[in-house]
Amino acid sequence: EKEMVDEAAYEFAETETMLKTAEGIAGPYLWGIYDLLVLPPTFPFGGM
């Protein structure tokens, strides 16, 4: 939701670095895009 999107963009700014680091260990990323969705607070897990 737009009320959180800029905050989330700041929080997850290192995502591409993490992706590249993972590729260096596990091999090429085969899924094309890697988007993140910040859900409402009822979401039961840290991430899915």
All heavy atoms as atom14 arrays in JSON, in Angstrom:
{
  "sequence": "EKEMVDEAAYEFAETETMLKTAEGIAGPYLWGIYDLLVLPPTFPFGGM",
  "atom14_mask": [
    [1, 1, 1, 1, 1, 1, 1, 1, 1, 0, 0, 0, 0, 0],
    [1, 1, 1, 1, 1, 1, 1, 1, 1, 0, 0, 0, 0, 0],
    [1, 1, 1, 1, 1, 1, 1, 1, 1, 0, 0, 0, 0, 0],
    [1, 1, 1, 1, 1, 1, 1, 1, 0, 0, 0, 0, 0, 0],
    [1, 1, 1, 1, 1, 1, 1, 0, 0, 0, 0, 0, 0, 0],
    [1, 1, 1, 1, 1, 1, 1, 1, 0, 0, 0, 0, 0, 0],
    [1, 1, 1, 1, 1, 1, 1, 1, 1, 0, 0, 0, 0, 0],
    [1, 1, 1, 1, 1, 0, 0, 0, 0, 0, 0, 0, 0, 0],
    [1, 1, 1, 1, 1, 0, 0, 0, 0, 0, 0, 0, 0, 0],
    [1, 1, 1, 1, 1, 1, 1, 1, 1, 1, 1, 1, 0, 0],
    [1, 1, 1, 1, 1, 1, 1, 1, 1, 0, 0, 0, 0, 0],
    [1, 1, 1, 1, 1, 1, 1, 1, 1, 1, 1, 0, 0, 0],
    [1, 1, 1, 1, 1, 0, 0, 0, 0, 0, 0, 0, 0, 0],
    [1, 1, 1, 1, 1, 1, 1, 1, 1, 0, 0, 0, 0, 0],
    [1, 1, 1, 1, 1, 1, 1, 0, 0, 0, 0, 0, 0, 0],
    [1, 1, 1, 1, 1, 1, 1, 1, 1, 0, 0, 0, 0, 0],
    [1, 1, 1, 1, 1, 1, 1, 0, 0, 0, 0, 0, 0, 0],
    [1, 1, 1, 1, 1, 1, 1, 1, 0, 0, 0, 0, 0, 0],
    [1, 1, 1, 1, 1, 1, 1, 1, 0, 0, 0, 0, 0, 0],
    [1, 1, 1, 1, 1, 1, 1, 1, 1, 0, 0, 0, 0, 0],
    [1, 1, 1, 1, 1, 1, 1, 0, 0, 0, 0, 0, 0, 0],
    [1, 1, 1, 1, 1, 0, 0, 0, 0, 0, 0, 0, 0, 0],
    [1, 1, 1, 1, 1, 1, 1, 1, 1, 0, 0, 0, 0, 0],
    [1, 1, 1, 1, 0, 0, 0, 0, 0, 0, 0, 0, 0, 0],
    [1, 1, 1, 1, 1, 1, 1, 1, 0, 0, 0, 0, 0, 0],
    [1, 1, 1, 1, 1, 0, 0, 0, 0, 0, 0, 0, 0, 0],
    [1, 1, 1, 1, 0, 0, 0, 0, 0, 0, 0, 0, 0, 0],
    [1, 1, 1, 1, 1, 1, 1, 0, 0, 0, 0, 0, 0, 0],
    [1, 1, 1, 1, 1, 1, 1, 1, 1, 1, 1, 1, 0, 0],
    [1, 1, 1, 1, 1, 1, 1, 1, 0, 0, 0, 0, 0, 0],
    [1, 1, 1, 1, 1, 1, 1, 1, 1, 1, 1, 1, 1, 1],
    [1, 1, 1, 1, 0, 0, 0, 0, 0, 0, 0, 0, 0, 0],
    [1, 1, 1, 1, 1, 1, 1, 1, 0, 0, 0, 0, 0, 0],
    [1, 1, 1, 1, 1, 1, 1, 1, 1, 1, 1, 1, 0, 0],
    [1, 1, 1, 1, 1, 1, 1, 1, 0, 0, 0, 0, 0, 0],
    [1, 1, 1, 1, 1, 1, 1, 1, 0, 0, 0, 0, 0, 0],
    [1, 1, 1, 1, 1, 1, 1, 1, 0, 0, 0, 0, 0, 0],
    [1, 1, 1, 1, 1, 1, 1, 0, 0, 0, 0, 0, 0, 0],
    [1, 1, 1, 1, 1, 1, 1, 1, 0, 0, 0, 0, 0, 0],
    [1, 1, 1, 1, 1, 1, 1, 0, 0, 0, 0, 0, 0, 0],
    [1, 1, 1, 1, 1, 1, 1, 0, 0, 0, 0, 0, 0, 0],
    [1, 1, 1, 1, 1, 1, 1, 0, 0, 0, 0, 0, 0, 0],
    [1, 1, 1, 1, 1, 1, 1, 1, 1, 1, 1, 0, 0, 0],
    [1, 1, 1, 1, 1, 1, 1, 0, 0, 0, 0, 0, 0, 0],
    [1, 1, 1, 1, 1, 1, 1, 1, 1, 1, 1, 0, 0, 0],
    [1, 1, 1, 1, 0, 0, 0, 0, 0, 0, 0, 0, 0, 0],
    [1, 1, 1, 1, 0, 0, 0, 0, 0, 0, 0, 0, 0, 0],
    [1, 1, 1, 1, 1, 1, 1, 1, 0, 0, 0, 0, 0, 0]
  ],
  "atom14_positions": [
    [[0.86, -1.18, 0.0], [0.0, 0.0, 0.0], [0.9, 1.23, 0.0], [2.02, 1.21, 0.54], [-0.9, -0.01, 1.23], [-1.96, -1.1, 1.21], [-2.93, -0.94, 2.36], [-3.77, -0.02, 2.31], [-2.83, -1.73, 3.32], [0.0, 0.0, 0.0], [0.0, 0.0, 0.0], [0.0, 0.0, 0.0], [0.0, 0.0, 0.0], [0.0, 0.0, 0.0]],
    [[0.43, 2.31, -0.58], [1.3, 3.46, -0.79], [1.78, 4.08, 0.52], [2.83, 4.73, 0.55], [0.61, 4.52, -1.65], [-0.5, 5.31, -1.01], [-1.02, 6.37, -1.98], [-2.08, 7.25, -1.37], [-2.58, 8.28, -2.34], [0.0, 0.0, 0.0], [0.0, 0.0, 0.0], [0.0, 0.0, 0.0], [0.0, 0.0, 0.0], [0.0, 0.0, 0.0]],
    [[1.05, 3.83, 1.6], [1.46, 4.37, 2.9], [2.77, 3.76, 3.39], [3.44, 4.35, 4.24], [0.37, 4.12, 3.95], [-0.87, 4.99, 3.8], [-1.8, 4.55, 2.69], [-1.59, 3.44, 2.13], [-2.75, 5.29, 2.36], [0.0, 0.0, 0.0], [0.0, 0.0, 0.0], [0.0, 0.0, 0.0], [0.0, 0.0, 0.0], [0.0, 0.0, 0.0]],
    [[3.15, 2.59, 2.87], [4.37, 1.93, 3.32], [5.42, 1.77, 2.24], [6.54, 1.32, 2.53], [4.03, 0.52, 3.86], [3.2, 0.48, 5.12], [3.07, -1.23, 5.77], [2.08, -1.99, 4.5], [0.0, 0.0, 0.0], [0.0, 0.0, 0.0], [0.0, 0.0, 0.0], [0.0, 0.0, 0.0], [0.0, 0.0, 0.0], [0.0, 0.0, 0.0]],
    [[5.11, 2.12, 1.0], [5.97, 1.7, -0.11], [7.35, 2.36, -0.08], [8.37, 1.71, -0.36], [5.26, 1.9, -1.46], [5.12, 3.37, -1.81], [5.97, 1.12, -2.56], [0.0, 0.0, 0.0], [0.0, 0.0, 0.0], [0.0, 0.0, 0.0], [0.0, 0.0, 0.0], [0.0, 0.0, 0.0], [0.0, 0.0, 0.0], [0.0, 0.0, 0.0]],
    [[7.42, 3.63, 0.28], [8.73, 4.29, 0.32], [9.57, 3.78, 1.48], [10.8, 3.59, 1.36], [8.56, 5.81, 0.41], [8.02, 6.4, -0.89], [8.42, 5.94, -1.97], [7.17, 7.31, -0.82], [0.0, 0.0, 0.0], [0.0, 0.0, 0.0], [0.0, 0.0, 0.0], [0.0, 0.0, 0.0], [0.0, 0.0, 0.0], [0.0, 0.0, 0.0]],
    [[8.93, 3.54, 2.6], [9.62, 2.95, 3.76], [10.19, 1.58, 3.41], [11.33, 1.25, 3.73], [8.64, 2.84, 4.93], [9.23, 2.3, 6.21], [8.18, 2.18, 7.31], [6.98, 2.4, 7.04], [8.58, 1.81, 8.43], [0.0, 0.0, 0.0], [0.0, 0.0, 0.0], [0.0, 0.0, 0.0], [0.0, 0.0, 0.0], [0.0, 0.0, 0.0]],
    [[9.38, 0.78, 2.7], [9.82, -0.55, 2.3], [10.96, -0.47, 1.28], [11.89, -1.28, 1.33], [8.65, -1.34, 1.72], [0.0, 0.0, 0.0], [0.0, 0.0, 0.0], [0.0, 0.0, 0.0], [0.0, 0.0, 0.0], [0.0, 0.0, 0.0], [0.0, 0.0, 0.0], [0.0, 0.0, 0.0], [0.0, 0.0, 0.0], [0.0, 0.0, 0.0]],
    [[10.88, 0.48, 0.37], [11.95, 0.63, -0.63], [13.28, 0.94, 0.05], [14.33, 0.43, -0.35], [11.58, 1.73, -1.62], [0.0, 0.0, 0.0], [0.0, 0.0, 0.0], [0.0, 0.0, 0.0], [0.0, 0.0, 0.0], [0.0, 0.0, 0.0], [0.0, 0.0, 0.0], [0.0, 0.0, 0.0], [0.0, 0.0, 0.0], [0.0, 0.0, 0.0]],
    [[13.25, 1.76, 1.09], [14.48, 2.05, 1.84], [14.97, 0.8, 2.56], [16.16, 0.46, 2.52], [14.23, 3.16, 2.86], [15.37, 3.33, 3.84], [16.53, 4.02, 3.48], [15.32, 2.74, 5.11], [17.59, 4.14, 4.36], [16.38, 2.86, 6.0], [17.51, 3.56, 5.62], [18.57, 3.67, 6.49], [0.0, 0.0, 0.0], [0.0, 0.0, 0.0]],
    [[14.04, 0.09, 3.21], [14.42, -1.05, 4.05], [15.09, -2.15, 3.23], [16.02, -2.81, 3.69], [13.17, -1.61, 4.74], [13.44, -2.32, 6.03], [13.72, -1.38, 7.19], [13.32, -0.2, 7.12], [14.35, -1.82, 8.16], [0.0, 0.0, 0.0], [0.0, 0.0, 0.0], [0.0, 0.0, 0.0], [0.0, 0.0, 0.0], [0.0, 0.0, 0.0]],
    [[14.63, -2.33, 2.0], [15.09, -3.46, 1.21], [16.03, -3.05, 0.08], [16.14, -3.73, -0.94], [13.88, -4.22, 0.65], [12.91, -4.67, 1.7], [11.54, -4.52, 1.52], [13.36, -5.22, 2.89], [10.65, -4.92, 2.5], [12.48, -5.63, 3.88], [11.11, -5.47, 3.68], [0.0, 0.0, 0.0], [0.0, 0.0, 0.0], [0.0, 0.0, 0.0]],
    [[16.72, -1.94, 0.26], [17.59, -1.4, -0.78], [18.76, -2.33, -1.13], [19.34, -2.22, -2.21], [18.12, -0.03, -0.36], [0.0, 0.0, 0.0], [0.0, 0.0, 0.0], [0.0, 0.0, 0.0], [0.0, 0.0, 0.0], [0.0, 0.0, 0.0], [0.0, 0.0, 0.0], [0.0, 0.0, 0.0], [0.0, 0.0, 0.0], [0.0, 0.0, 0.0]],
    [[19.11, -3.25, -0.23], [20.24, -4.14, -0.47], [19.85, -5.44, -1.17], [20.66, -6.35, -1.28], [20.92, -4.49, 0.86], [21.58, -3.31, 1.56], [22.26, -3.7, 2.85], [21.66, -4.47, 3.62], [23.39, -3.24, 3.07], [0.0, 0.0, 0.0], [0.0, 0.0, 0.0], [0.0, 0.0, 0.0], [0.0, 0.0, 0.0], [0.0, 0.0, 0.0]],
    [[18.64, -5.51, -1.68], [18.14, -6.76, -2.26], [19.0, -7.25, -3.42], [19.35, -8.44, -3.51], [16.69, -6.6, -2.71], [15.87, -6.27, -1.58], [16.16, -7.88, -3.33], [0.0, 0.0, 0.0], [0.0, 0.0, 0.0], [0.0, 0.0, 0.0], [0.0, 0.0, 0.0], [0.0, 0.0, 0.0], [0.0, 0.0, 0.0], [0.0, 0.0, 0.0]],
    [[19.37, -6.36, -4.34], [20.17, -6.79, -5.48], [21.54, -7.31, -5.05], [22.05, -8.29, -5.6], [20.33, -5.64, -6.48], [21.17, -5.97, -7.71], [20.57, -7.06, -8.61], [19.34, -7.27, -8.56], [21.34, -7.7, -9.35], [0.0, 0.0, 0.0], [0.0, 0.0, 0.0], [0.0, 0.0, 0.0], [0.0, 0.0, 0.0], [0.0, 0.0, 0.0]],
    [[22.12, -6.67, -4.04], [23.4, -7.15, -3.52], [23.24, -8.56, -2.95], [24.11, -9.44, -3.15], [23.93, -6.21, -2.42], [24.07, -4.9, -2.97], [25.28, -6.67, -1.91], [0.0, 0.0, 0.0], [0.0, 0.0, 0.0], [0.0, 0.0, 0.0], [0.0, 0.0, 0.0], [0.0, 0.0, 0.0], [0.0, 0.0, 0.0], [0.0, 0.0, 0.0]],
    [[22.14, -8.8, -2.24], [21.88, -10.14, -1.71], [21.71, -11.15, -2.83], [22.23, -12.27, -2.77], [20.63, -10.13, -0.83], [20.78, -9.39, 0.48], [19.26, -9.47, 1.45], [19.73, -8.52, 2.9], [0.0, 0.0, 0.0], [0.0, 0.0, 0.0], [0.0, 0.0, 0.0], [0.0, 0.0, 0.0], [0.0, 0.0, 0.0], [0.0, 0.0, 0.0]],
    [[20.99, -10.76, -3.89], [20.79, -11.66, -5.03], [22.12, -12.04, -5.67], [22.39, -13.22, -5.95], [19.89, -10.97, -6.07], [18.4, -11.27, -6.03], [17.66, -10.39, -7.04], [18.11, -12.73, -6.32], [0.0, 0.0, 0.0], [0.0, 0.0, 0.0], [0.0, 0.0, 0.0], [0.0, 0.0, 0.0], [0.0, 0.0, 0.0], [0.0, 0.0, 0.0]],
    [[22.96, -11.03, -5.91], [24.26, -11.3, -6.54], [25.13, -12.17, -5.64], [25.85, -13.05, -6.12], [24.96, -9.98, -6.85], [24.34, -9.21, -8.02], [25.1, -7.91, -8.28], [24.52, -7.17, -9.48], [25.23, -5.88, -9.72], [0.0, 0.0, 0.0], [0.0, 0.0, 0.0], [0.0, 0.0, 0.0], [0.0, 0.0, 0.0], [0.0, 0.0, 0.0]],
    [[25.08, -11.91, -4.35], [25.86, -12.71, -3.41], [25.4, -14.16, -3.43], [26.22, -15.1, -3.44], [25.75, -12.13, -2.0], [26.14, -10.75, -2.01], [26.64, -12.9, -1.03], [0.0, 0.0, 0.0], [0.0, 0.0, 0.0], [0.0, 0.0, 0.0], [0.0, 0.0, 0.0], [0.0, 0.0, 0.0], [0.0, 0.0, 0.0], [0.0, 0.0, 0.0]],
    [[24.09, -14.36, -3.44], [23.54, -15.72, -3.5], [23.95, -16.42, -4.8], [24.29, -17.61, -4.79], [22.02, -15.68, -3.38], [0.0, 0.0, 0.0], [0.0, 0.0, 0.0], [0.0, 0.0, 0.0], [0.0, 0.0, 0.0], [0.0, 0.0, 0.0], [0.0, 0.0, 0.0], [0.0, 0.0, 0.0], [0.0, 0.0, 0.0], [0.0, 0.0, 0.0]],
    [[23.92, -15.69, -5.91], [24.31, -16.28, -7.19], [25.77, -16.75, -7.15], [26.12, -17.77, -7.75], [24.11, -15.27, -8.31], [22.65, -15.05, -8.7], [22.5, -14.07, -9.85], [22.99, -12.93, -9.74], [21.89, -14.45, -10.87], [0.0, 0.0, 0.0], [0.0, 0.0, 0.0], [0.0, 0.0, 0.0], [0.0, 0.0, 0.0], [0.0, 0.0, 0.0]],
    [[26.6, -15.99, -6.46], [28.01, -16.36, -6.36], [28.22, -17.66, -5.61], [29.24, -18.34, -5.79], [0.0, 0.0, 0.0], [0.0, 0.0, 0.0], [0.0, 0.0, 0.0], [0.0, 0.0, 0.0], [0.0, 0.0, 0.0], [0.0, 0.0, 0.0], [0.0, 0.0, 0.0], [0.0, 0.0, 0.0], [0.0, 0.0, 0.0], [0.0, 0.0, 0.0]],
    [[27.25, -18.03, -4.77], [27.36, -19.26, -3.99], [26.6, -20.41, -4.65], [27.1, -21.53, -4.78], [26.82, -19.04, -2.56], [27.57, -17.9, -1.87], [26.9, -20.34, -1.73], [26.89, -17.4, -0.61], [0.0, 0.0, 0.0], [0.0, 0.0, 0.0], [0.0, 0.0, 0.0], [0.0, 0.0, 0.0], [0.0, 0.0, 0.0], [0.0, 0.0, 0.0]],
    [[25.36, -20.13, -5.09], [24.43, -21.19, -5.49], [24.23, -21.32, -7.0], [23.61, -22.29, -7.44], [23.07, -20.96, -4.81], [0.0, 0.0, 0.0], [0.0, 0.0, 0.0], [0.0, 0.0, 0.0], [0.0, 0.0, 0.0], [0.0, 0.0, 0.0], [0.0, 0.0, 0.0], [0.0, 0.0, 0.0], [0.0, 0.0, 0.0], [0.0, 0.0, 0.0]],
    [[24.72, -20.36, -7.78], [24.53, -20.43, -9.22], [23.53, -19.39, -9.71], [22.95, -18.63, -8.93], [0.0, 0.0, 0.0], [0.0, 0.0, 0.0], [0.0, 0.0, 0.0], [0.0, 0.0, 0.0], [0.0, 0.0, 0.0], [0.0, 0.0, 0.0], [0.0, 0.0, 0.0], [0.0, 0.0, 0.0], [0.0, 0.0, 0.0], [0.0, 0.0, 0.0]],
    [[23.3, -19.32, -11.02], [22.45, -18.27, -11.6], [21.03, -18.26, -11.04], [20.45, -19.32, -10.75], [22.44, -18.6, -13.1], [23.65, -19.45, -13.31], [23.86, -20.21, -12.04], [0.0, 0.0, 0.0], [0.0, 0.0, 0.0], [0.0, 0.0, 0.0], [0.0, 0.0, 0.0], [0.0, 0.0, 0.0], [0.0, 0.0, 0.0], [0.0, 0.0, 0.0]],
    [[20.49, -17.06, -10.91], [19.08, -16.88, -10.51], [18.22, -17.12, -11.75], [18.37, -16.42, -12.75], [18.88, -15.47, -9.95], [17.46, -15.17, -9.52], [16.96, -15.68, -8.33], [16.62, -14.38, -10.32], [15.66, -15.41, -7.94], [15.33, -14.1, -9.93], [14.84, -14.62, -8.73], [13.55, -14.35, -8.35], [0.0, 0.0, 0.0], [0.0, 0.0, 0.0]],
    [[17.33, -18.09, -11.7], [16.61, -18.56, -12.88], [15.17, -18.08, -12.99], [14.45, -18.49, -13.9], [16.63, -20.1, -12.92], [18.02, -20.75, -12.95], [17.89, -22.27, -12.95], [18.8, -20.29, -14.17], [0.0, 0.0, 0.0], [0.0, 0.0, 0.0], [0.0, 0.0, 0.0], [0.0, 0.0, 0.0], [0.0, 0.0, 0.0], [0.0, 0.0, 0.0]],
    [[14.75, -17.18, -12.11], [13.34, -16.81, -12.05], [13.03, -15.47, -12.71], [11.89, -15.02, -12.65], [12.88, -16.79, -10.59], [13.11, -18.09, -9.9], [14.23, -18.48, -9.23], [12.2, -19.2, -9.82], [14.09, -19.75, -8.73], [12.84, -20.22, -9.07], [10.91, -19.42, -10.29], [12.23, -21.44, -8.8], [10.3, -20.64, -10.02], [10.95, -21.63, -9.29]],
    [[14.02, -14.82, -13.29], [13.77, -13.55, -13.97], [13.7, -12.4, -12.99], [14.72, -11.83, -12.6], [0.0, 0.0, 0.0], [0.0, 0.0, 0.0], [0.0, 0.0, 0.0], [0.0, 0.0, 0.0], [0.0, 0.0, 0.0], [0.0, 0.0, 0.0], [0.0, 0.0, 0.0], [0.0, 0.0, 0.0], [0.0, 0.0, 0.0], [0.0, 0.0, 0.0]],
    [[12.5, -12.05, -12.56], [12.32, -10.94, -11.62], [12.35, -11.46, -10.18], [12.1, -12.64, -9.92], [10.99, -10.19, -11.87], [9.78, -11.13, -11.7], [11.0, -9.56, -13.25], [8.45, -10.4, -11.74], [0.0, 0.0, 0.0], [0.0, 0.0, 0.0], [0.0, 0.0, 0.0], [0.0, 0.0, 0.0], [0.0, 0.0, 0.0], [0.0, 0.0, 0.0]],
    [[12.68, -10.54, -9.26], [12.57, -10.84, -7.83], [11.9, -9.65, -7.16], [12.55, -8.7, -6.75], [13.94, -11.11, -7.19], [13.79, -11.5, -5.74], [13.49, -12.81, -5.39], [13.9, -10.56, -4.72], [13.3, -13.18, -4.07], [13.72, -10.91, -3.39], [13.42, -12.22, -3.07], [13.22, -12.57, -1.76], [0.0, 0.0, 0.0], [0.0, 0.0, 0.0]],
    [[10.57, -9.69, -7.09], [9.81, -8.61, -6.47], [9.48, -8.96, -5.03], [9.44, -10.14, -4.64], [8.51, -8.35, -7.24], [8.75, -7.56, -8.52], [9.91, -7.32, -8.86], [7.75, -7.21, -9.19], [0.0, 0.0, 0.0], [0.0, 0.0, 0.0], [0.0, 0.0, 0.0], [0.0, 0.0, 0.0], [0.0, 0.0, 0.0], [0.0, 0.0, 0.0]],
    [[9.25, -7.92, -4.24], [8.89, -8.06, -2.84], [7.54, -7.41, -2.61], [7.26, -6.33, -3.16], [9.93, -7.37, -1.95], [11.35, -7.94, -1.98], [12.33, -6.89, -1.5], [11.44, -9.17, -1.11], [0.0, 0.0, 0.0], [0.0, 0.0, 0.0], [0.0, 0.0, 0.0], [0.0, 0.0, 0.0], [0.0, 0.0, 0.0], [0.0, 0.0, 0.0]],
    [[6.73, -8.03, -1.79], [5.42, -7.47, -1.44], [5.31, -7.4, 0.08], [5.4, -8.43, 0.76], [4.29, -8.34, -1.99], [2.89, -8.01, -1.47], [2.4, -6.7, -2.07], [1.91, -9.14, -1.76], [0.0, 0.0, 0.0], [0.0, 0.0, 0.0], [0.0, 0.0, 0.0], [0.0, 0.0, 0.0], [0.0, 0.0, 0.0], [0.0, 0.0, 0.0]],
    [[5.15, -6.2, 0.61], [4.92, -6.04, 2.05], [3.42, -6.14, 2.29], [2.63, -5.32, 1.8], [5.46, -4.69, 2.56], [5.19, -4.56, 4.06], [6.95, -4.57, 2.28], [0.0, 0.0, 0.0], [0.0, 0.0, 0.0], [0.0, 0.0, 0.0], [0.0, 0.0, 0.0], [0.0, 0.0, 0.0], [0.0, 0.0, 0.0], [0.0, 0.0, 0.0]],
    [[3.03, -7.15, 3.03], [1.63, -7.48, 3.25], [1.07, -6.76, 4.47], [1.82, -6.16, 5.26], [1.49, -8.98, 3.43], [1.55, -9.79, 2.14], [1.86, -11.24, 2.44], [0.24, -9.7, 1.38], [0.0, 0.0, 0.0], [0.0, 0.0, 0.0], [0.0, 0.0, 0.0], [0.0, 0.0, 0.0], [0.0, 0.0, 0.0], [0.0, 0.0, 0.0]],
    [[-0.23, -6.83, 4.67], [-0.82, -6.32, 5.92], [-0.29, -7.08, 7.13], [0.24, -8.2, 7.0], [-2.32, -6.57, 5.72], [-2.51, -6.59, 4.24], [-1.27, -7.24, 3.69], [0.0, 0.0, 0.0], [0.0, 0.0, 0.0], [0.0, 0.0, 0.0], [0.0, 0.0, 0.0], [0.0, 0.0, 0.0], [0.0, 0.0, 0.0], [0.0, 0.0, 0.0]],
    [[-0.44, -6.53, 8.32], [0.16, -7.12, 9.53], [-0.34, -8.51, 9.89], [0.31, -9.21, 10.66], [-0.21, -6.11, 10.63], [-0.43, -4.82, 9.91], [-1.03, -5.2, 8.59], [0.0, 0.0, 0.0], [0.0, 0.0, 0.0], [0.0, 0.0, 0.0], [0.0, 0.0, 0.0], [0.0, 0.0, 0.0], [0.0, 0.0, 0.0], [0.0, 0.0, 0.0]],
    [[-1.5, -8.93, 9.37], [-2.02, -10.26, 9.71], [-1.23, -11.39, 9.07], [-1.41, -12.55, 9.46], [-3.49, -10.4, 9.26], [-3.59, -10.09, 7.86], [-4.4, -9.49, 10.06], [0.0, 0.0, 0.0], [0.0, 0.0, 0.0], [0.0, 0.0, 0.0], [0.0, 0.0, 0.0], [0.0, 0.0, 0.0], [0.0, 0.0, 0.0], [0.0, 0.0, 0.0]],
    [[-0.35, -11.09, 8.11], [0.42, -12.15, 7.45], [1.16, -12.96, 8.51], [1.86, -12.41, 9.36], [1.4, -11.54, 6.46], [2.21, -12.53, 5.69], [1.59, -13.52, 4.92], [3.59, -12.51, 5.73], [2.34, -14.44, 4.22], [4.35, -13.43, 5.02], [3.72, -14.39, 4.27], [0.0, 0.0, 0.0], [0.0, 0.0, 0.0], [0.0, 0.0, 0.0]],
    [[1.03, -14.31, 8.48], [1.49, -15.11, 9.63], [2.98, -15.44, 9.66], [3.45, -16.0, 10.65], [0.68, -16.4, 9.49], [0.38, -16.52, 8.03], [0.22, -15.11, 7.54], [0.0, 0.0, 0.0], [0.0, 0.0, 0.0], [0.0, 0.0, 0.0], [0.0, 0.0, 0.0], [0.0, 0.0, 0.0], [0.0, 0.0, 0.0], [0.0, 0.0, 0.0]],
    [[3.73, -15.11, 8.6], [5.13, -15.48, 8.56], [6.02, -14.27, 8.37], [5.55, -13.2, 7.98], [5.39, -16.49, 7.43], [4.6, -17.76, 7.56], [3.51, -18.01, 6.74], [4.93, -18.69, 8.53], [2.77, -19.17, 6.87], [4.2, -19.86, 8.66], [3.11, -20.1, 7.83], [0.0, 0.0, 0.0], [0.0, 0.0, 0.0], [0.0, 0.0, 0.0]],
    [[7.33, -14.45, 8.63], [8.27, -13.37, 8.36], [8.35, -13.09, 6.87], [8.41, -11.95, 6.43], [0.0, 0.0, 0.0], [0.0, 0.0, 0.0], [0.0, 0.0, 0.0], [0.0, 0.0, 0.0], [0.0, 0.0, 0.0], [0.0, 0.0, 0.0], [0.0, 0.0, 0.0], [0.0, 0.0, 0.0], [0.0, 0.0, 0.0], [0.0, 0.0, 0.0]],
    [[8.36, -14.16, 6.1], [8.36, -14.05, 4.65], [7.87, -15.36, 4.06], [7.83, -16.39, 4.72], [0.0, 0.0, 0.0], [0.0, 0.0, 0.0], [0.0, 0.0, 0.0], [0.0, 0.0, 0.0], [0.0, 0.0, 0.0], [0.0, 0.0, 0.0], [0.0, 0.0, 0.0], [0.0, 0.0, 0.0], [0.0, 0.0, 0.0], [0.0, 0.0, 0.0]],
    [[7.45, -15.3, 2.81], [7.06, -16.49, 2.08], [7.66, -16.4, 0.7], [7.45, -15.42, -0.02], [5.53, -16.63, 2.0], [5.08, -17.87, 1.25], [5.62, -19.4, 2.06], [5.72, -20.5, 0.65], [0.0, 0.0, 0.0], [0.0, 0.0, 0.0], [0.0, 0.0, 0.0], [0.0, 0.0, 0.0], [0.0, 0.0, 0.0], [0.0, 0.0, 0.0]]
  ]
}
